[in-house]
Structures are given as structure tokens and as C-alpha cells.
Amino acid sequence: MRAGPGNRQDGPMSTPDYAHIPPQPPTPMEKFFAWVRRLGLARPTDRVLGGVAAATARRLGIDAWLMRLILIVLVIFFGLSVWFYIAAWIALPDERTGKIPLEEWIRPSGR
């Protein structure tokens, strides 16, 4: 057997050289979480409930209490669902750690 890329001729039990294998492209899930992080929305430490209103207010440049009032009005008069708030809470990263709850729940523990 001739020496070539992937084959080492060190001895009788040669092992393939995996250093030349390119890294795997990001999965759609990894692309989604990277996109969420680039949005500039993060649940801050001064949150009242899940931090969705405070994160949105910070991104829009308005007071968090005004955003909370707007969300309450949207829920009461326009039927904005509490499920929307929960979905935003699990999809937005925490400001301190950068961790996204949904990502932590669905990603295998070994990664």
C-alpha cells in the first residue's frame, strides 16, 4: 500500500489521518439559532416575567413598562396569544449567558 493522504505508514497498525476532513456545514437548527442571536434581542436581567417585553423595548428604544402595556393591549383587544409570548421567551437568548432555552432543550447533551 502506498502512502497517501489519509494513510500513514508508521507501522503495522496504521490509522487514517482525519485532519484533512472539512467541518460539517451548520444544520438548519444551528443556522436558526445563529440568526436569532444576530437579531439583537436578548432577555435582560431586569425582567419581570420572561423578559420578552424588556428585550423588545430595548431593541425598539422605548421604556420596558410602555412595551409591557402595549403587549397587554394587544392581548386584550387584538387577541395576541400568550403562546406567542411563551414562544418568544423560549427562542430569545439570555443576556447573561447567551443561552437560548429552546436550544438547550432540543440539543443533545453531548454538544
PDB file of N, CA and C in Angstrom:
ATOM      1  N   MET A   1       0.854  -1.167   0.000  1.00  0.00           N
ATOM      2  CA  MET A   1       0.000   0.000   0.000  1.00  0.00           C
ATOM      3  C   MET A   1       0.901   1.232   0.000  1.00  0.00           C
ATOM      4  N   ARG A   2       0.585   2.173  -0.867  1.00  0.00           N
ATOM      5  CA  ARG A   2       1.387   3.391  -0.985  1.00  0.00           C
ATOM      6  C   ARG A   2       0.909   4.424   0.022  1.00  0.00           C
ATOM      7  N   ALA A   3       1.840   5.234   0.471  1.00  0.00           N
ATOM      8  CA  ALA A   3       1.488   6.318   1.394  1.00  0.00           C
ATOM      9  C   ALA A   3       0.760   7.408   0.618  1.00  0.00           C
ATOM     10  N   GLY A   4      -0.261   7.902   1.171  1.00  0.00           N
ATOM     11  CA  GLY A   4      -1.036   8.968   0.540  1.00  0.00           C
ATOM     12  C   GLY A   4      -1.845   9.679   1.592  1.00  0.00           C
ATOM     13  N   PRO A   5      -2.650  10.668   1.157  1.00  0.00           N
ATOM     14  CA  PRO A   5      -3.456  11.367   2.154  1.00  0.00           C
ATOM     15  C   PRO A   5      -4.450  10.399   2.788  1.00  0.00           C
ATOM     16  N   GLY A   6      -4.471  10.381   4.080  1.00  0.00           N
ATOM     17  CA  GLY A   6      -5.396   9.511   4.783  1.00  0.00           C
ATOM     18  C   GLY A   6      -4.751   8.218   5.213  1.00  0.00           C
ATOM     19  N   ASN A   7      -3.571   7.913   4.730  1.00  0.00           N
ATOM     20  CA  ASN A   7      -2.875   6.695   5.121  1.00  0.00           C
ATOM     21  C   ASN A   7      -1.509   7.067   5.662  1.00  0.00           C
ATOM     22  N   ARG A   8      -1.199   6.532   6.836  1.00  0.00           N
ATOM     23  CA  ARG A   8       0.119   6.756   7.402  1.00  0.00           C
ATOM     24  C   ARG A   8       0.840   5.423   7.441  1.00  0.00           C
ATOM     25  N   GLN A   9       2.098   5.446   7.164  1.00  0.00           N
ATOM     26  CA  GLN A   9       2.890   4.228   7.122  1.00  0.00           C
ATOM     27  C   GLN A   9       3.813   4.145   8.333  1.00  0.00           C
ATOM     28  N   ASP A  10       3.277   4.416   9.537  1.00  0.00           N
ATOM     29  CA  ASP A  10       4.081   4.413  10.754  1.00  0.00           C
ATOM     30  C   ASP A  10       4.423   3.012  11.217  1.00  0.00           C
ATOM     31  N   GLY A  11       3.595   2.104  10.977  1.00  0.00           N
ATOM     32  CA  GLY A  11       3.819   0.761  11.488  1.00  0.00           C
ATOM     33  C   GLY A  11       2.719  -0.163  11.011  1.00  0.00           C
ATOM     34  N   PRO A  12       2.656  -1.337  11.606  1.00  0.00           N
ATOM     35  CA  PRO A  12       1.689  -2.325  11.144  1.00  0.00           C
ATOM     36  C   PRO A  12       0.242  -1.913  11.388  1.00  0.00           C
ATOM     37  N   MET A  13      -0.025  -1.129  12.420  1.00  0.00           N
ATOM     38  CA  MET A  13      -1.404  -0.723  12.730  1.00  0.00           C
ATOM     39  C   MET A  13      -1.583   0.755  12.389  1.00  0.00           C
ATOM     40  N   SER A  14      -1.535   1.096  11.132  1.00  0.00           N
ATOM     41  CA  SER A  14      -1.666   2.494  10.752  1.00  0.00           C
ATOM     42  C   SER A  14      -3.118   2.935  10.868  1.00  0.00           C
ATOM     43  N   THR A  15      -3.300   4.216  11.185  1.00  0.00           N
ATOM     44  CA  THR A  15      -4.640   4.778  11.307  1.00  0.00           C
ATOM     45  C   THR A  15      -4.800   5.879  10.282  1.00  0.00           C
ATOM     46  N   PRO A  16      -6.016   6.080   9.784  1.00  0.00           N
ATOM     47  CA  PRO A  16      -6.234   7.142   8.803  1.00  0.00           C
ATOM     48  C   PRO A  16      -6.046   8.517   9.435  1.00  0.00           C
ATOM     49  N   ASP A  17      -5.618   9.460   8.623  1.00  0.00           N
ATOM     50  CA  ASP A  17      -5.410  10.834   9.070  1.00  0.00           C
ATOM     51  C   ASP A  17      -6.682  11.627   8.777  1.00  0.00           C
ATOM     52  N   TYR A  18      -7.401  12.028   9.837  1.00  0.00           N
ATOM     53  CA  TYR A  18      -8.680  12.724   9.676  1.00  0.00           C
ATOM     54  C   TYR A  18      -8.528  14.241   9.711  1.00  0.00           C
ATOM     55  N   ALA A  19      -7.321  14.750   9.765  1.00  0.00           N
ATOM     56  CA  ALA A  19      -7.122  16.193   9.865  1.00  0.00           C
ATOM     57  C   ALA A  19      -7.569  16.931   8.611  1.00  0.00           C
ATOM     58  N   HIS A  20      -7.607  16.269   7.480  1.00  0.00           N
ATOM     59  CA  HIS A  20      -7.960  16.943   6.229  1.00  0.00           C
ATOM     60  C   HIS A  20      -9.465  16.963   5.956  1.00  0.00           C
ATOM     61  N   ILE A  21     -10.264  16.322   6.816  1.00  0.00           N
ATOM     62  CA  ILE A  21     -11.710  16.279   6.613  1.00  0.00           C
ATOM     63  C   ILE A  21     -12.300  17.634   6.991  1.00  0.00           C
ATOM     64  N   PRO A  22     -13.043  18.283   6.077  1.00  0.00           N
ATOM     65  CA  PRO A  22     -13.603  19.608   6.383  1.00  0.00           C
ATOM     66  C   PRO A  22     -14.703  19.494   7.438  1.00  0.00           C
ATOM     67  N   PRO A  23     -14.929  20.563   8.196  1.00  0.00           N
ATOM     68  CA  PRO A  23     -16.001  20.528   9.202  1.00  0.00           C
ATOM     69  C   PRO A  23     -17.365  20.440   8.529  1.00  0.00           C
ATOM     70  N   GLN A  24     -18.302  19.869   9.248  1.00  0.00           N
ATOM     71  CA  GLN A  24     -19.664  19.735   8.731  1.00  0.00           C
ATOM     72  C   GLN A  24     -20.311  21.118   8.624  1.00  0.00           C
ATOM     73  N   PRO A  25     -21.088  21.360   7.579  1.00  0.00           N
ATOM     74  CA  PRO A  25     -21.803  22.643   7.488  1.00  0.00           C
ATOM     75  C   PRO A  25     -22.854  22.728   8.595  1.00  0.00           C
ATOM     76  N   PRO A  26     -23.221  23.941   9.012  1.00  0.00           N
ATOM     77  CA  PRO A  26     -24.215  24.070  10.083  1.00  0.00           C
ATOM     78  C   PRO A  26     -25.564  23.520   9.641  1.00  0.00           C
ATOM     79  N   THR A  27     -26.255  22.918  10.589  1.00  0.00           N
ATOM     80  CA  THR A  27     -27.588  22.389  10.328  1.00  0.00           C
ATOM     81  C   THR A  27     -28.579  23.546  10.262  1.00  0.00           C
ATOM     82  N   PRO A  28     -29.772  23.325   9.716  1.00  0.00           N
ATOM     83  CA  PRO A  28     -30.795  24.382   9.723  1.00  0.00           C
ATOM     84  C   PRO A  28     -31.097  24.890  11.135  1.00  0.00           C
ATOM     85  N   MET A  29     -31.082  23.994  12.117  1.00  0.00           N
ATOM     86  CA  MET A  29     -31.333  24.391  13.503  1.00  0.00           C
ATOM     87  C   MET A  29     -30.230  25.331  13.990  1.00  0.00           C
ATOM     88  N   GLU A  30     -28.973  25.017  13.709  1.00  0.00           N
ATOM     89  CA  GLU A  30     -27.862  25.876  14.116  1.00  0.00           C
ATOM     90  C   GLU A  30     -27.916  27.226  13.413  1.00  0.00           C
ATOM     91  N   LYS A  31     -28.332  27.226  12.143  1.00  0.00           N
ATOM     92  CA  LYS A  31     -28.487  28.482  11.410  1.00  0.00           C
ATOM     93  C   LYS A  31     -29.584  29.347  12.034  1.00  0.00           C
ATOM     94  N   PHE A  32     -30.690  28.710  12.450  1.00  0.00           N
ATOM     95  CA  PHE A  32     -31.798  29.442  13.066  1.00  0.00           C
ATOM     96  C   PHE A  32     -31.346  30.121  14.358  1.00  0.00           C
ATOM     97  N   PHE A  33     -30.655  29.383  15.226  1.00  0.00           N
ATOM     98  CA  PHE A  33     -30.233  29.957  16.499  1.00  0.00           C
ATOM     99  C   PHE A  33     -29.176  31.038  16.296  1.00  0.00           C
ATOM    100  N   ALA A  34     -28.334  30.901  15.299  1.00  0.00           N
ATOM    101  CA  ALA A  34     -27.358  31.954  14.985  1.00  0.00           C
ATOM    102  C   ALA A  34     -28.090  33.211  14.514  1.00  0.00           C
ATOM    103  N   TRP A  35     -29.130  33.029  13.704  1.00  0.00           N
ATOM    104  CA  TRP A  35     -29.936  34.162  13.229  1.00  0.00           C
ATOM    105  C   TRP A  35     -30.629  34.864  14.404  1.00  0.00           C
ATOM    106  N   VAL A  36     -31.190  34.090  15.328  1.00  0.00           N
ATOM    107  CA  VAL A  36     -31.855  34.678  16.498  1.00  0.00           C
ATOM    108  C   VAL A  36     -30.872  35.518  17.300  1.00  0.00           C
ATOM    109  N   ARG A  37     -29.655  35.014  17.459  1.00  0.00           N
ATOM    110  CA  ARG A  37     -28.649  35.770  18.214  1.00  0.00           C
ATOM    111  C   ARG A  37     -28.265  37.066  17.495  1.00  0.00           C
ATOM    112  N   ARG A  38     -28.277  37.061  16.164  1.00  0.00           N
ATOM    113  CA  ARG A  38     -27.933  38.273  15.402  1.00  0.00           C
ATOM    114  C   ARG A  38     -29.035  39.322  15.423  1.00  0.00           C
ATOM    115  N   LEU A  39     -30.242  38.964  15.833  1.00  0.00           N
ATOM    116  CA  LEU A  39     -31.353  39.921  15.864  1.00  0.00           C
ATOM    117  C   LEU A  39     -31.111  41.063  16.849  1.00  0.00           C
ATOM    118  N   GLY A  40     -30.307  40.831  17.851  1.00  0.00           N
ATOM    119  CA  GLY A  40     -30.059  41.867  18.848  1.00  0.00           C
ATOM    120  C   GLY A  40     -31.096  41.891  19.948  1.00  0.00           C
ATOM    121  N   LEU A  41     -31.906  40.849  20.039  1.00  0.00           N
ATOM    122  CA  LEU A  41     -32.884  40.726  21.114  1.00  0.00           C
ATOM    123  C   LEU A  41     -32.348  39.729  22.130  1.00  0.00           C
ATOM    124  N   ALA A  42     -32.222  40.163  23.372  1.00  0.00           N
ATOM    125  CA  ALA A  42     -31.792  39.265  24.441  1.00  0.00           C
ATOM    126  C   ALA A  42     -32.596  39.599  25.684  1.00  0.00           C
ATOM    127  N   ARG A  43     -33.022  38.571  26.390  1.00  0.00           N
ATOM    128  CA  ARG A  43     -33.810  38.776  27.605  1.00  0.00           C
ATOM    129  C   ARG A  43     -32.896  39.325  28.695  1.00  0.00           C
ATOM    130  N   PRO A  44     -33.116  40.585  29.123  1.00  0.00           N
ATOM    131  CA  PRO A  44     -32.213  41.225  30.090  1.00  0.00           C
ATOM    132  C   PRO A  44     -32.414  40.719  31.518  1.00  0.00           C
ATOM    133  N   THR A  45     -31.533  41.149  32.381  1.00  0.00           N
ATOM    134  CA  THR A  45     -31.601  40.734  33.781  1.00  0.00           C
ATOM    135  C   THR A  45     -32.702  41.463  34.546  1.00  0.00           C
ATOM    136  N   ASP A  46     -33.137  42.623  34.067  1.00  0.00           N
ATOM    137  CA  ASP A  46     -34.179  43.392  34.764  1.00  0.00           C
ATOM    138  C   ASP A  46     -35.570  43.037  34.256  1.00  0.00           C
ATOM    139  N   ARG A  47     -35.801  41.768  34.063  1.00  0.00           N
ATOM    140  CA  ARG A  47     -37.094  41.322  33.526  1.00  0.00           C
ATOM    141  C   ARG A  47     -38.109  41.108  34.639  1.00  0.00           C
ATOM    142  N   VAL A  48     -39.394  41.211  34.252  1.00  0.00           N
ATOM    143  CA  VAL A  48     -40.472  40.989  35.201  1.00  0.00           C
ATOM    144  C   VAL A  48     -40.964  39.550  35.088  1.00  0.00           C
ATOM    145  N   LEU A  49     -41.210  39.095  33.898  1.00  0.00           N
ATOM    146  CA  LEU A  49     -41.684  37.727  33.713  1.00  0.00           C
ATOM    147  C   LEU A  49     -40.605  36.960  32.950  1.00  0.00           C
ATOM    148  N   GLY A  50     -40.737  36.861  31.647  1.00  0.00           N
ATOM    149  CA  GLY A  50     -39.749  36.141  30.861  1.00  0.00           C
ATOM    150  C   GLY A  50     -38.727  37.036  30.190  1.00  0.00           C
ATOM    151  N   GLY A  51     -38.951  38.338  30.196  1.00  0.00           N
ATOM    152  CA  GLY A  51     -38.003  39.265  29.600  1.00  0.00           C
ATOM    153  C   GLY A  51     -38.291  39.620  28.156  1.00  0.00           C
ATOM    154  N   VAL A  52     -39.395  39.132  27.613  1.00  0.00           N
ATOM    155  CA  VAL A  52     -39.729  39.390  26.213  1.00  0.00           C
ATOM    156  C   VAL A  52     -40.035  40.868  25.991  1.00  0.00           C
ATOM    157  N   ALA A  53     -40.844  41.453  26.860  1.00  0.00           N
ATOM    158  CA  ALA A  53     -41.192  42.872  26.709  1.00  0.00           C
ATOM    159  C   ALA A  53     -39.955  43.753  26.888  1.00  0.00           C
ATOM    160  N   ALA A  54     -39.125  43.440  27.868  1.00  0.00           N
ATOM    161  CA  ALA A  54     -37.919  44.241  28.102  1.00  0.00           C
ATOM    162  C   ALA A  54     -36.953  44.127  26.930  1.00  0.00           C
ATOM    163  N   ALA A  55     -36.809  42.932  26.368  1.00  0.00           N
ATOM    164  CA  ALA A  55     -35.917  42.743  25.208  1.00  0.00           C
ATOM    165  C   ALA A  55     -36.443  43.504  23.999  1.00  0.00           C
ATOM    166  N   THR A  56     -37.744  43.425  23.766  1.00  0.00           N
ATOM    167  CA  THR A  56     -38.347  44.122  22.632  1.00  0.00           C
ATOM    168  C   THR A  56     -38.237  45.638  22.817  1.00  0.00           C
ATOM    169  N   ALA A  57     -38.490  46.098  24.038  1.00  0.00           N
ATOM    170  CA  ALA A  57     -38.404  47.535  24.321  1.00  0.00           C
ATOM    171  C   ALA A  57     -36.986  48.050  24.106  1.00  0.00           C
ATOM    172  N   ARG A  58     -36.022  47.295  24.576  1.00  0.00           N
ATOM    173  CA  ARG A  58     -34.625  47.712  24.402  1.00  0.00           C
ATOM    174  C   ARG A  58     -34.278  47.797  22.921  1.00  0.00           C
ATOM    175  N   ARG A  59     -34.739  46.819  22.146  1.00  0.00           N
ATOM    176  CA  ARG A  59     -34.451  46.800  20.700  1.00  0.00           C
ATOM    177  C   ARG A  59     -35.115  47.980  19.992  1.00  0.00           C
ATOM    178  N   LEU A  60     -36.328  48.349  20.425  1.00  0.00           N
ATOM    179  CA  LEU A  60     -37.063  49.455  19.811  1.00  0.00           C
ATOM    180  C   LEU A  60     -36.688  50.811  20.395  1.00  0.00           C
ATOM    181  N   GLY A  61     -35.959  50.823  21.505  1.00  0.00           N
ATOM    182  CA  GLY A  61     -35.534  52.071  22.122  1.00  0.00           C
ATOM    183  C   GLY A  61     -36.628  52.764  22.911  1.00  0.00           C
ATOM    184  N   ILE A  62     -37.536  51.965  23.497  1.00  0.00           N
ATOM    185  CA  ILE A  62     -38.601  52.540  24.319  1.00  0.00           C
ATOM    186  C   ILE A  62     -38.514  51.957  25.726  1.00  0.00           C
ATOM    187  N   ASP A  63     -39.294  52.523  26.646  1.00  0.00           N
ATOM    188  CA  ASP A  63     -39.307  52.055  28.023  1.00  0.00           C
ATOM    189  C   ASP A  63     -39.957  50.671  28.110  1.00  0.00           C
ATOM    190  N   ALA A  64     -39.413  49.825  28.971  1.00  0.00           N
ATOM    191  CA  ALA A  64     -39.928  48.456  29.112  1.00  0.00           C
ATOM    192  C   ALA A  64     -41.375  48.443  29.599  1.00  0.00           C
ATOM    193  N   TRP A  65     -41.722  49.373  30.515  1.00  0.00           N
ATOM    194  CA  TRP A  65     -43.102  49.401  31.003  1.00  0.00           C
ATOM    195  C   TRP A  65     -44.080  49.802  29.911  1.00  0.00           C
ATOM    196  N   LEU A  66     -43.667  50.668  29.007  1.00  0.00           N
ATOM    197  CA  LEU A  66     -44.514  51.022  27.872  1.00  0.00           C
ATOM    198  C   LEU A  66     -44.724  49.795  26.978  1.00  0.00           C
ATOM    199  N   MET A  67     -43.675  49.028  26.766  1.00  0.00           N
ATOM    200  CA  MET A  67     -43.797  47.822  25.941  1.00  0.00           C
ATOM    201  C   MET A  67     -44.704  46.798  26.616  1.00  0.00           C
ATOM    202  N   ARG A  68     -44.612  46.672  27.909  1.00  0.00           N
ATOM    203  CA  ARG A  68     -45.500  45.747  28.641  1.00  0.00           C
ATOM    204  C   ARG A  68     -46.959  46.177  28.476  1.00  0.00           C
ATOM    205  N   LEU A  69     -47.201  47.480  28.556  1.00  0.00           N
ATOM    206  CA  LEU A  69     -48.553  48.000  28.368  1.00  0.00           C
ATOM    207  C   LEU A  69     -49.047  47.710  26.950  1.00  0.00           C
ATOM    208  N   ILE A  70     -48.177  47.910  25.970  1.00  0.00           N
ATOM    209  CA  ILE A  70     -48.544  47.622  24.578  1.00  0.00           C
ATOM    210  C   ILE A  70     -48.897  46.145  24.417  1.00  0.00           C
ATOM    211  N   LEU A  71     -48.104  45.252  25.016  1.00  0.00           N
ATOM    212  CA  LEU A  71     -48.401  43.817  24.925  1.00  0.00           C
ATOM    213  C   LEU A  71     -49.729  43.467  25.577  1.00  0.00           C
ATOM    214  N   ILE A  72     -50.024  44.087  26.713  1.00  0.00           N
ATOM    215  CA  ILE A  72     -51.305  43.834  27.388  1.00  0.00           C
ATOM    216  C   ILE A  72     -52.466  44.287  26.509  1.00  0.00           C
ATOM    217  N   VAL A  73     -52.323  45.459  25.897  1.00  0.00           N
ATOM    218  CA  VAL A  73     -53.372  45.963  24.992  1.00  0.00           C
ATOM    219  C   VAL A  73     -53.541  45.017  23.804  1.00  0.00           C
ATOM    220  N   LEU A  74     -52.430  44.541  23.253  1.00  0.00           N
ATOM    221  CA  LEU A  74     -52.518  43.606  22.127  1.00  0.00           C
ATOM    222  C   LEU A  74     -53.203  42.308  22.524  1.00  0.00           C
ATOM    223  N   VAL A  75     -52.973  41.851  23.731  1.00  0.00           N
ATOM    224  CA  VAL A  75     -53.621  40.626  24.206  1.00  0.00           C
ATOM    225  C   VAL A  75     -55.121  40.852  24.389  1.00  0.00           C
ATOM    226  N   ILE A  76     -55.472  41.948  25.028  1.00  0.00           N
ATOM    227  CA  ILE A  76     -56.882  42.202  25.345  1.00  0.00           C
ATOM    228  C   ILE A  76     -57.698  42.540  24.101  1.00  0.00           C
ATOM    229  N   PHE A  77     -57.207  43.451  23.264  1.00  0.00           N
ATOM    230  CA  PHE A  77     -58.020  43.942  22.165  1.00  0.00           C
ATOM    231  C   PHE A  77     -57.810  43.217  20.843  1.00  0.00           C
ATOM    232  N   PHE A  78     -56.655  42.634  20.656  1.00  0.00           N
ATOM    233  CA  PHE A  78     -56.381  42.016  19.358  1.00  0.00           C
ATOM    234  C   PHE A  78     -56.117  40.520  19.445  1.00  0.00           C
ATOM    235  N   GLY A  79     -56.252  39.961  20.628  1.00  0.00           N
ATOM    236  CA  GLY A  79     -56.142  38.518  20.774  1.00  0.00           C
ATOM    237  C   GLY A  79     -54.737  37.959  20.620  1.00  0.00           C
ATOM    238  N   LEU A  80     -53.717  38.804  20.834  1.00  0.00           N
ATOM    239  CA  LEU A  80     -52.364  38.275  20.809  1.00  0.00           C
ATOM    240  C   LEU A  80     -52.276  37.178  21.872  1.00  0.00           C
ATOM    241  N   SER A  81     -51.853  36.045  21.469  1.00  0.00           N
ATOM    242  CA  SER A  81     -51.890  34.892  22.339  1.00  0.00           C
ATOM    243  C   SER A  81     -50.742  34.871  23.338  1.00  0.00           C
ATOM    244  N   VAL A  82     -51.022  34.282  24.473  1.00  0.00           N
ATOM    245  CA  VAL A  82     -49.974  34.044  25.458  1.00  0.00           C
ATOM    246  C   VAL A  82     -48.953  33.059  24.880  1.00  0.00           C
ATOM    247  N   TRP A  83     -49.401  32.231  23.952  1.00  0.00           N
ATOM    248  CA  TRP A  83     -48.481  31.276  23.306  1.00  0.00           C
ATOM    249  C   TRP A  83     -47.396  32.006  22.525  1.00  0.00           C
ATOM    250  N   PHE A  84     -47.734  33.169  21.967  1.00  0.00           N
ATOM    251  CA  PHE A  84     -46.732  33.972  21.274  1.00  0.00           C
ATOM    252  C   PHE A  84     -45.653  34.423  22.247  1.00  0.00           C
ATOM    253  N   TYR A  85     -46.072  34.868  23.425  1.00  0.00           N
ATOM    254  CA  TYR A  85     -45.125  35.307  24.448  1.00  0.00           C
ATOM    255  C   TYR A  85     -44.233  34.144  24.876  1.00  0.00           C
ATOM    256  N   ILE A  86     -44.822  32.984  25.089  1.00  0.00           N
ATOM    257  CA  ILE A  86     -44.055  31.808  25.501  1.00  0.00           C
ATOM    258  C   ILE A  86     -43.067  31.411  24.405  1.00  0.00           C
ATOM    259  N   ALA A  87     -43.509  31.449  23.155  1.00  0.00           N
ATOM    260  CA  ALA A  87     -42.611  31.117  22.037  1.00  0.00           C
ATOM    261  C   ALA A  87     -41.438  32.088  21.982  1.00  0.00           C
ATOM    262  N   ALA A  88     -41.714  33.375  22.199  1.00  0.00           N
ATOM    263  CA  ALA A  88     -40.637  34.367  22.195  1.00  0.00           C
ATOM    264  C   ALA A  88     -39.701  34.140  23.377  1.00  0.00           C
ATOM    265  N   TRP A  89     -40.245  33.784  24.527  1.00  0.00           N
ATOM    266  CA  TRP A  89     -39.417  33.548  25.708  1.00  0.00           C
ATOM    267  C   TRP A  89     -38.445  32.393  25.478  1.00  0.00           C
ATOM    268  N   ILE A  90     -38.908  31.295  24.900  1.00  0.00           N
ATOM    269  CA  ILE A  90     -38.016  30.145  24.724  1.00  0.00           C
ATOM    270  C   ILE A  90     -37.078  30.311  23.536  1.00  0.00           C
ATOM    271  N   ALA A  91     -37.334  31.307  22.667  1.00  0.00           N
ATOM    272  CA  ALA A  91     -36.487  31.488  21.485  1.00  0.00           C
ATOM    273  C   ALA A  91     -35.462  32.613  21.647  1.00  0.00           C
ATOM    274  N   LEU A  92     -35.622  33.475  22.653  1.00  0.00           N
ATOM    275  CA  LEU A  92     -34.689  34.593  22.828  1.00  0.00           C
ATOM    276  C   LEU A  92     -33.562  34.206  23.781  1.00  0.00           C
ATOM    277  N   PRO A  93     -32.341  34.612  23.466  1.00  0.00           N
ATOM    278  CA  PRO A  93     -31.223  34.280  24.353  1.00  0.00           C
ATOM    279  C   PRO A  93     -31.238  35.092  25.638  1.00  0.00           C
ATOM    280  N   ASP A  94     -30.666  34.512  26.678  1.00  0.00           N
ATOM    281  CA  ASP A  94     -30.489  35.197  27.947  1.00  0.00           C
ATOM    282  C   ASP A  94     -29.304  36.155  27.812  1.00  0.00           C
ATOM    283  N   GLU A  95     -29.453  37.353  28.318  1.00  0.00           N
ATOM    284  CA  GLU A  95     -28.410  38.366  28.174  1.00  0.00           C
ATOM    285  C   GLU A  95     -27.109  37.978  28.894  1.00  0.00           C
ATOM    286  N   ARG A  96     -27.218  37.358  30.055  1.00  0.00           N
ATOM    287  CA  ARG A  96     -26.027  36.998  30.833  1.00  0.00           C
ATOM    288  C   ARG A  96     -25.249  35.851  30.218  1.00  0.00           C
ATOM    289  N   THR A  97     -25.958  34.807  29.806  1.00  0.00           N
ATOM    290  CA  THR A  97     -25.285  33.583  29.365  1.00  0.00           C
ATOM    291  C   THR A  97     -25.268  33.402  27.855  1.00  0.00           C
ATOM    292  N   GLY A  98     -26.202  34.054  27.156  1.00  0.00           N
ATOM    293  CA  GLY A  98     -26.321  33.862  25.713  1.00  0.00           C
ATOM    294  C   GLY A  98     -27.040  32.576  25.344  1.00  0.00           C
ATOM    295  N   LYS A  99     -27.488  31.837  26.343  1.00  0.00           N
ATOM    296  CA  LYS A  99     -28.166  30.567  26.084  1.00  0.00           C
ATOM    297  C   LYS A  99     -29.626  30.805  25.702  1.00  0.00           C
ATOM    298  N   ILE A 100     -30.084  30.028  24.743  1.00  0.00           N
ATOM    299  CA  ILE A 100     -31.475  30.062  24.309  1.00  0.00           C
ATOM    300  C   ILE A 100     -32.159  28.831  24.899  1.00  0.00           C
ATOM    301  N   PRO A 101     -33.246  29.014  25.688  1.00  0.00           N
ATOM    302  CA  PRO A 101     -33.879  27.852  26.316  1.00  0.00           C
ATOM    303  C   PRO A 101     -34.252  26.739  25.326  1.00  0.00           C
ATOM    304  N   LEU A 102     -34.840  27.092  24.210  1.00  0.00           N
ATOM    305  CA  LEU A 102     -35.229  26.076  23.225  1.00  0.00           C
ATOM    306  C   LEU A 102     -34.025  25.291  22.731  1.00  0.00           C
ATOM    307  N   GLU A 103     -32.942  25.968  22.482  1.00  0.00           N
ATOM    308  CA  GLU A 103     -31.721  25.311  22.011  1.00  0.00           C
ATOM    309  C   GLU A 103     -31.187  24.340  23.067  1.00  0.00           C
ATOM    310  N   GLU A 104     -31.252  24.749  24.320  1.00  0.00           N
ATOM    311  CA  GLU A 104     -30.788  23.888  25.404  1.00  0.00           C
ATOM    312  C   GLU A 104     -31.663  22.642  25.541  1.00  0.00           C
ATOM    313  N   TRP A 105     -32.951  22.784  25.279  1.00  0.00           N
ATOM    314  CA  TRP A 105     -33.873  21.662  25.441  1.00  0.00           C
ATOM    315  C   TRP A 105     -33.768  20.649  24.307  1.00  0.00           C
ATOM    316  N   ILE A 106     -33.520  21.116  23.087  1.00  0.00           N
ATOM    317  CA  ILE A 106     -33.545  20.182  21.950  1.00  0.00           C
ATOM    318  C   ILE A 106     -32.176  19.706  21.520  1.00  0.00           C
ATOM    319  N   ARG A 107     -31.119  20.366  21.947  1.00  0.00           N
ATOM    320  CA  ARG A 107     -29.774  19.966  21.558  1.00  0.00           C
ATOM    321  C   ARG A 107     -29.338  18.776  22.404  1.00  0.00           C
ATOM    322  N   PRO A 108     -28.704  17.801  21.798  1.00  0.00           N
ATOM    323  CA  PRO A 108     -28.190  16.675  22.590  1.00  0.00           C
ATOM    324  C   PRO A 108     -27.211  17.167  23.647  1.00  0.00           C
ATOM    325  N   SER A 109     -27.206  16.512  24.790  1.00  0.00           N
ATOM    326  CA  SER A 109     -26.399  16.976  25.922  1.00  0.00           C
ATOM    327  C   SER A 109     -24.901  16.868  25.674  1.00  0.00           C
ATOM    328  N   GLY A 110     -24.480  16.078  24.717  1.00  0.00           N
ATOM    329  CA  GLY A 110     -23.067  15.906  24.455  1.00  0.00           C
ATOM    330  C   GLY A 110     -22.448  17.013  23.636  1.00  0.00           C
ATOM    331  N   ARG A 111     -23.189  17.963  23.147  1.00  0.00           N
ATOM    332  CA  ARG A 111     -22.643  19.014  22.286  1.00  0.00           C
ATOM    333  C   ARG A 111     -22.312  20.237  23.050  1.00  0.00           C
TER     334      ARG A 111
END
